[in-house]
C-alpha atoms as a PDB file:
ATOM      1  CA  MET A   1       0.860   8.210  13.857  1.00  0.00           C
ATOM      2  CA  GLN A   2      -1.659   6.059  12.070  1.00  0.00           C
ATOM      3  CA  ARG A   3      -2.170   2.686  10.449  1.00  0.00           C
ATOM      4  CA  LYS A   4      -4.276   1.851   7.402  1.00  0.00           C
ATOM      5  CA  ARG A   5      -5.057  -1.473   5.758  1.00  0.00           C
ATOM      6  CA  VAL A   6      -5.627  -0.949   2.048  1.00  0.00           C
ATOM      7  CA  PHE A   7      -7.199  -3.210  -0.588  1.00  0.00           C
ATOM      8  CA  ILE A   8      -6.546  -2.191  -4.201  1.00  0.00           C
ATOM      9  CA  SER A   9      -8.629  -3.629  -7.047  1.00  0.00           C
ATOM     10  CA  GLY A  10      -8.156  -3.500 -10.811  1.00  0.00           C
ATOM     11  CA  ARG A  11      -5.257  -4.648 -12.948  1.00  0.00           C
ATOM     12  CA  VAL A  12      -2.804  -4.652 -10.061  1.00  0.00           C
ATOM     13  CA  GLN A  13      -1.081  -8.042 -10.278  1.00  0.00           C
ATOM     14  CA  GLY A  14       1.621  -8.829 -12.815  1.00  0.00           C
ATOM     15  CA  VAL A  15       2.352  -5.122 -13.355  1.00  0.00           C
ATOM     16  CA  TYR A  16       5.029  -4.586 -10.671  1.00  0.00           C
ATOM     17  CA  PHE A  17       2.444  -2.943  -8.408  1.00  0.00           C
ATOM     18  CA  ARG A  18       4.035  -4.299  -5.229  1.00  0.00           C
ATOM     19  CA  VAL A  19       7.515  -3.112  -6.220  1.00  0.00           C
ATOM     20  CA  TYR A  20       6.272   0.399  -7.005  1.00  0.00           C
ATOM     21  CA  THR A  21       4.200   0.421  -3.811  1.00  0.00           C
ATOM     22  CA  ARG A  22       7.266  -0.427  -1.745  1.00  0.00           C
ATOM     23  CA  GLU A  23       9.328   2.280  -3.445  1.00  0.00           C
ATOM     24  CA  ALA A  24       6.578   4.870  -2.923  1.00  0.00           C
ATOM     25  CA  ALA A  25       6.084   3.904   0.725  1.00  0.00           C
ATOM     26  CA  LEU A  26       9.806   4.119   1.442  1.00  0.00           C
ATOM     27  CA  GLY A  27       9.903   7.490  -0.315  1.00  0.00           C
ATOM     28  CA  PHE A  28       7.174   8.742   2.021  1.00  0.00           C
ATOM     29  CA  GLY A  29       9.034   7.339   5.041  1.00  0.00           C
ATOM     30  CA  LEU A  30       6.359   4.737   5.774  1.00  0.00           C
ATOM     31  CA  ARG A  31       6.563   1.232   7.199  1.00  0.00           C
ATOM     32  CA  GLY A  32       4.480  -1.894   6.635  1.00  0.00           C
ATOM     33  CA  TRP A  33       4.025  -4.422   3.870  1.00  0.00           C
ATOM     34  CA  VAL A  34       2.279  -5.164   0.579  1.00  0.00           C
ATOM     35  CA  ARG A  35       1.133  -8.486  -0.915  1.00  0.00           C
ATOM     36  CA  ASN A  36      -0.954 -10.045  -3.678  1.00  0.00           C
ATOM     37  CA  LEU A  37      -4.237 -11.684  -2.705  1.00  0.00           C
ATOM     38  CA  PRO A  38      -5.639 -14.826  -4.365  1.00  0.00           C
ATOM     39  CA  ASP A  39      -8.698 -12.866  -5.591  1.00  0.00           C
ATOM     40  CA  GLY A  40      -6.538 -10.558  -7.762  1.00  0.00           C
ATOM     41  CA  ARG A  41      -6.400  -7.612  -5.371  1.00  0.00           C
ATOM     42  CA  VAL A  42      -3.369  -6.174  -3.626  1.00  0.00           C
ATOM     43  CA  GLU A  43      -3.392  -5.659   0.144  1.00  0.00           C
ATOM     44  CA  ALA A  44      -1.106  -3.310   2.066  1.00  0.00           C
ATOM     45  CA  VAL A  45      -0.676  -2.298   5.676  1.00  0.00           C
ATOM     46  CA  ILE A  46       0.777   1.187   5.987  1.00  0.00           C
ATOM     47  CA  GLU A  47       2.023   2.893   9.142  1.00  0.00           C
ATOM     48  CA  GLY A  48       3.454   6.368   9.621  1.00  0.00           C
ATOM     49  CA  GLU A  49       2.668  10.000  10.143  1.00  0.00           C
ATOM     50  CA  GLU A  50      -0.801  11.069   9.064  1.00  0.00           C
ATOM     51  CA  ARG A  51       0.323  13.362   6.240  1.00  0.00           C
ATOM     52  CA  GLN A  52       2.579  10.731   4.657  1.00  0.00           C
ATOM     53  CA  VAL A  53      -0.078   8.026   5.001  1.00  0.00           C
ATOM     54  CA  GLU A  54      -2.598  10.276   3.227  1.00  0.00           C
ATOM     55  CA  GLU A  55      -0.103  10.918   0.408  1.00  0.00           C
ATOM     56  CA  MET A  56       0.441   7.164   0.065  1.00  0.00           C
ATOM     57  CA  LEU A  57      -3.305   6.578  -0.148  1.00  0.00           C
ATOM     58  CA  LYS A  58      -3.474   9.091  -3.009  1.00  0.00           C
ATOM     59  CA  TRP A  59      -0.589   7.262  -4.684  1.00  0.00           C
ATOM     60  CA  CYS A  60      -2.517   3.969  -4.426  1.00  0.00           C
ATOM     61  CA  TRP A  61      -5.052   5.368  -6.908  1.00  0.00           C
ATOM     62  CA  GLN A  62      -2.198   5.979  -9.372  1.00  0.00           C
ATOM     63  CA  GLY A  63      -0.266   2.726  -8.933  1.00  0.00           C
ATOM     64  CA  SER A  64       2.467   1.429 -11.178  1.00  0.00           C
ATOM     65  CA  PRO A  65       2.761   2.656 -14.789  1.00  0.00           C
ATOM     66  CA  SER A  66       1.129  -0.484 -16.253  1.00  0.00           C
ATOM     67  CA  SER A  67      -1.591  -0.863 -13.624  1.00  0.00           C
ATOM     68  CA  ARG A  68      -5.237   0.187 -13.710  1.00  0.00           C
ATOM     69  CA  VAL A  69      -6.724   0.949 -10.305  1.00  0.00           C
ATOM     70  CA  ASP A  70     -10.505   0.588 -10.114  1.00  0.00           C
ATOM     71  CA  LYS A  71     -11.055   0.712  -6.367  1.00  0.00           C
ATOM     72  CA  VAL A  72      -9.136   1.504  -3.178  1.00  0.00           C
ATOM     73  CA  GLU A  73     -10.690   0.354   0.090  1.00  0.00           C
ATOM     74  CA  VAL A  74      -9.176   1.788   3.273  1.00  0.00           C
ATOM     75  CA  VAL A  75      -9.661   0.409   6.773  1.00  0.00           C
ATOM     76  CA  ALA A  76      -8.314   2.380   9.756  1.00  0.00           C
ATOM     77  CA  GLU A  77      -6.631   0.234  12.392  1.00  0.00           C
ATOM     78  CA  PRO A  78      -4.930   1.087  15.680  1.00  0.00           C
ATOM     79  CA  TYR A  79      -1.303   2.142  15.200  1.00  0.00           C
ATOM     80  CA  GLN A  80       1.045  -0.582  16.405  1.00  0.00           C
ATOM     81  CA  GLY A  81       4.535   0.543  15.398  1.00  0.00           C
ATOM     82  CA  GLU A  82       5.555  -3.042  14.706  1.00  0.00           C
ATOM     83  CA  PHE A  83       7.446  -2.592  11.419  1.00  0.00           C
ATOM     84  CA  GLU A  84      11.078  -1.642  10.822  1.00  0.00           C
ATOM     85  CA  ASP A  85      10.727  -1.085   7.062  1.00  0.00           C
ATOM     86  CA  PHE A  86       8.309  -1.618   4.182  1.00  0.00           C
ATOM     87  CA  SER A  87       8.417  -5.087   2.657  1.00  0.00           C
ATOM     88  CA  ILE A  88       6.872  -7.180  -0.086  1.00  0.00           C
ATOM     89  CA  THR A  89       5.272 -10.369   1.203  1.00  0.00           C
ATOM     90  CA  GLY A  90       3.188 -13.112  -0.354  1.00  0.00           C
END
């Protein structure tokens, strides 16, 4: 099991990015959360099995249909298993 904190840059706010991220994460069987940041980026914390987390990271480069992803920063963190689902916050 692994945990990744992800920062996505580009046109990622106001394009339903968080909603699509939640749907994708749930489809991969992942847990965590996603939120908008004041600087225009989107941040997500993703936990789950390594293969599904890697698929989700690939998805982050695609994003929602109206988004434009310019950069995806990934930070590995210790797995904590603290989430029961995948939610939209902030």
